[in-house]
Amino acid sequence: MEYALHEVLEVQEMTAFKTLCLTKSKTMKALVSDPKLKEIMQQEVDTTTRQLQEFASILSNAKHE
């Protein structure tokens, strides 16, 4: 699929942001003792991982000039 350059750049920005979020969630999860909060953070890790895979797929299929 063809994307405009600004669209590709926006996906790259979202990827960078979500990578930072994933790093923070994984790091903080190790410091949390509350089981419910740990479960919520694990859900965030799983969701963010899935989103990053989708972004990678979009970027690898992007054709721009």
N, C-alpha and C. Protein backbone atom coordinates (compact mmCIF):
# COMPACT_ATOMS: atom_id res chain seq x y z
N MET A 1 0.84 -1.18 0.00
CA MET A 1 0.00 0.00 0.00
C MET A 1 0.89 1.24 0.00
N GLU A 2 0.44 2.25 -0.68
CA GLU A 2 1.21 3.49 -0.72
C GLU A 2 0.79 4.43 0.40
N TYR A 3 1.78 4.95 1.09
CA TYR A 3 1.54 5.92 2.15
C TYR A 3 2.32 7.18 1.83
N ALA A 4 1.77 8.30 2.23
CA ALA A 4 2.52 9.56 2.12
C ALA A 4 3.64 9.54 3.15
N LEU A 5 4.67 10.30 2.88
CA LEU A 5 5.82 10.33 3.77
C LEU A 5 5.41 10.71 5.20
N HIS A 6 4.51 11.68 5.34
CA HIS A 6 4.12 12.11 6.69
C HIS A 6 3.39 10.98 7.43
N GLU A 7 2.70 10.11 6.71
CA GLU A 7 2.03 8.98 7.36
C GLU A 7 3.03 7.97 7.90
N VAL A 8 4.05 7.71 7.10
CA VAL A 8 5.11 6.79 7.53
C VAL A 8 5.83 7.36 8.75
N LEU A 9 6.11 8.65 8.72
CA LEU A 9 6.78 9.30 9.85
C LEU A 9 5.92 9.25 11.11
N GLU A 10 4.62 9.40 10.96
CA GLU A 10 3.73 9.34 12.12
C GLU A 10 3.72 7.94 12.73
N VAL A 11 3.71 6.92 11.88
CA VAL A 11 3.77 5.54 12.39
C VAL A 11 5.10 5.31 13.09
N GLN A 12 6.18 5.85 12.55
CA GLN A 12 7.48 5.72 13.20
C GLN A 12 7.49 6.42 14.56
N GLU A 13 6.86 7.57 14.64
CA GLU A 13 6.77 8.28 15.93
C GLU A 13 5.97 7.47 16.94
N MET A 14 4.85 6.91 16.51
CA MET A 14 4.03 6.09 17.42
C MET A 14 4.80 4.86 17.86
N THR A 15 5.59 4.29 16.94
CA THR A 15 6.40 3.12 17.27
C THR A 15 7.43 3.47 18.34
N ALA A 16 8.07 4.60 18.20
CA ALA A 16 9.07 5.03 19.19
C ALA A 16 8.41 5.25 20.55
N PHE A 17 7.25 5.89 20.56
CA PHE A 17 6.54 6.14 21.81
C PHE A 17 6.11 4.84 22.47
N LYS A 18 5.53 3.93 21.70
CA LYS A 18 5.05 2.67 22.26
C LYS A 18 6.21 1.80 22.74
N THR A 19 7.36 1.91 22.09
CA THR A 19 8.55 1.18 22.54
C THR A 19 8.98 1.68 23.91
N LEU A 20 8.94 3.00 24.09
CA LEU A 20 9.26 3.58 25.38
C LEU A 20 8.27 3.11 26.45
N CYS A 21 6.98 3.11 26.11
CA CYS A 21 5.94 2.64 27.04
C CYS A 21 6.17 1.19 27.42
N LEU A 22 6.52 0.37 26.45
CA LEU A 22 6.76 -1.05 26.71
C LEU A 22 7.94 -1.24 27.65
N THR A 23 9.01 -0.51 27.41
CA THR A 23 10.19 -0.59 28.27
C THR A 23 9.84 -0.19 29.70
N LYS A 24 9.10 0.89 29.84
CA LYS A 24 8.72 1.37 31.16
C LYS A 24 7.81 0.36 31.87
N SER A 25 6.84 -0.17 31.16
CA SER A 25 5.92 -1.14 31.78
C SER A 25 6.64 -2.40 32.23
N LYS A 26 7.54 -2.90 31.39
CA LYS A 26 8.29 -4.11 31.76
C LYS A 26 9.19 -3.85 32.97
N THR A 27 9.81 -2.70 33.00
CA THR A 27 10.71 -2.36 34.10
C THR A 27 9.93 -2.17 35.41
N MET A 28 8.85 -1.42 35.33
CA MET A 28 8.07 -1.13 36.53
C MET A 28 7.33 -2.37 37.05
N LYS A 29 6.95 -3.25 36.15
CA LYS A 29 6.24 -4.46 36.55
C LYS A 29 7.08 -5.30 37.52
N ALA A 30 8.38 -5.29 37.32
CA ALA A 30 9.28 -6.05 38.19
C ALA A 30 9.32 -5.46 39.60
N LEU A 31 8.97 -4.18 39.74
CA LEU A 31 9.04 -3.52 41.05
C LEU A 31 7.70 -3.54 41.80
N VAL A 32 6.63 -3.97 41.12
CA VAL A 32 5.29 -3.94 41.71
C VAL A 32 5.04 -5.20 42.53
N SER A 33 4.42 -5.01 43.69
CA SER A 33 4.12 -6.18 44.52
C SER A 33 2.63 -6.54 44.51
N ASP A 34 1.76 -5.58 44.17
CA ASP A 34 0.33 -5.83 44.14
C ASP A 34 -0.03 -6.71 42.94
N PRO A 35 -0.67 -7.86 43.17
CA PRO A 35 -0.98 -8.79 42.07
C PRO A 35 -1.92 -8.19 41.01
N LYS A 36 -2.90 -7.42 41.44
CA LYS A 36 -3.85 -6.83 40.50
C LYS A 36 -3.15 -5.82 39.59
N LEU A 37 -2.32 -4.98 40.18
CA LEU A 37 -1.57 -4.00 39.40
C LEU A 37 -0.59 -4.71 38.46
N LYS A 38 0.02 -5.76 38.93
CA LYS A 38 0.95 -6.53 38.10
C LYS A 38 0.21 -7.13 36.89
N GLU A 39 -1.02 -7.59 37.12
CA GLU A 39 -1.83 -8.15 36.03
C GLU A 39 -2.18 -7.06 35.00
N ILE A 40 -2.55 -5.88 35.48
CA ILE A 40 -2.87 -4.77 34.59
C ILE A 40 -1.64 -4.40 33.76
N MET A 41 -0.49 -4.35 34.39
CA MET A 41 0.74 -4.00 33.69
C MET A 41 1.10 -5.07 32.65
N GLN A 42 0.84 -6.34 32.98
CA GLN A 42 1.11 -7.40 32.02
C GLN A 42 0.19 -7.28 30.81
N GLN A 43 -1.05 -6.90 31.05
CA GLN A 43 -1.99 -6.67 29.94
C GLN A 43 -1.48 -5.54 29.05
N GLU A 44 -0.94 -4.51 29.67
CA GLU A 44 -0.37 -3.39 28.90
C GLU A 44 0.81 -3.85 28.07
N VAL A 45 1.67 -4.69 28.65
CA VAL A 45 2.82 -5.23 27.92
C VAL A 45 2.34 -6.04 26.72
N ASP A 46 1.34 -6.89 26.93
CA ASP A 46 0.82 -7.72 25.83
C ASP A 46 0.20 -6.88 24.73
N THR A 47 -0.60 -5.89 25.11
CA THR A 47 -1.25 -5.02 24.14
C THR A 47 -0.22 -4.21 23.35
N THR A 48 0.74 -3.64 24.03
CA THR A 48 1.76 -2.83 23.38
C THR A 48 2.60 -3.68 22.44
N THR A 49 2.92 -4.90 22.85
CA THR A 49 3.69 -5.80 21.99
C THR A 49 2.94 -6.08 20.70
N ARG A 50 1.65 -6.34 20.82
CA ARG A 50 0.82 -6.59 19.65
C ARG A 50 0.76 -5.34 18.74
N GLN A 51 0.61 -4.17 19.35
CA GLN A 51 0.58 -2.93 18.57
C GLN A 51 1.89 -2.70 17.82
N LEU A 52 3.01 -2.98 18.48
CA LEU A 52 4.30 -2.80 17.83
C LEU A 52 4.47 -3.76 16.65
N GLN A 53 3.93 -4.97 16.78
CA GLN A 53 3.98 -5.91 15.67
C GLN A 53 3.15 -5.39 14.49
N GLU A 54 2.01 -4.79 14.79
CA GLU A 54 1.17 -4.21 13.74
C GLU A 54 1.87 -3.03 13.07
N PHE A 55 2.51 -2.18 13.87
CA PHE A 55 3.25 -1.06 13.31
C PHE A 55 4.38 -1.55 12.41
N ALA A 56 5.08 -2.59 12.85
CA ALA A 56 6.18 -3.15 12.05
C ALA A 56 5.66 -3.68 10.72
N SER A 57 4.51 -4.30 10.75
CA SER A 57 3.91 -4.80 9.52
C SER A 57 3.54 -3.66 8.58
N ILE A 58 2.96 -2.61 9.13
CA ILE A 58 2.60 -1.44 8.33
C ILE A 58 3.84 -0.83 7.69
N LEU A 59 4.89 -0.66 8.50
CA LEU A 59 6.11 -0.03 8.00
C LEU A 59 6.82 -0.90 6.96
N SER A 60 6.79 -2.20 7.14
CA SER A 60 7.47 -3.07 6.18
C SER A 60 6.72 -3.14 4.86
N ASN A 61 5.42 -2.91 4.89
CA ASN A 61 4.61 -2.94 3.66
C ASN A 61 4.43 -1.57 3.04
N ALA A 62 4.91 -0.53 3.70
CA ALA A 62 4.70 0.84 3.21
C ALA A 62 5.58 1.11 2.00
N LYS A 63 4.95 1.64 0.99
CA LYS A 63 5.67 2.08 -0.21
C LYS A 63 5.44 3.58 -0.31
N HIS A 64 6.48 4.33 -0.21
CA HIS A 64 6.33 5.78 -0.31
C HIS A 64 7.43 6.33 -1.23
N GLU A 65 7.18 7.49 -1.71
CA GLU A 65 8.14 8.12 -2.64
C GLU A 65 9.04 9.07 -1.91
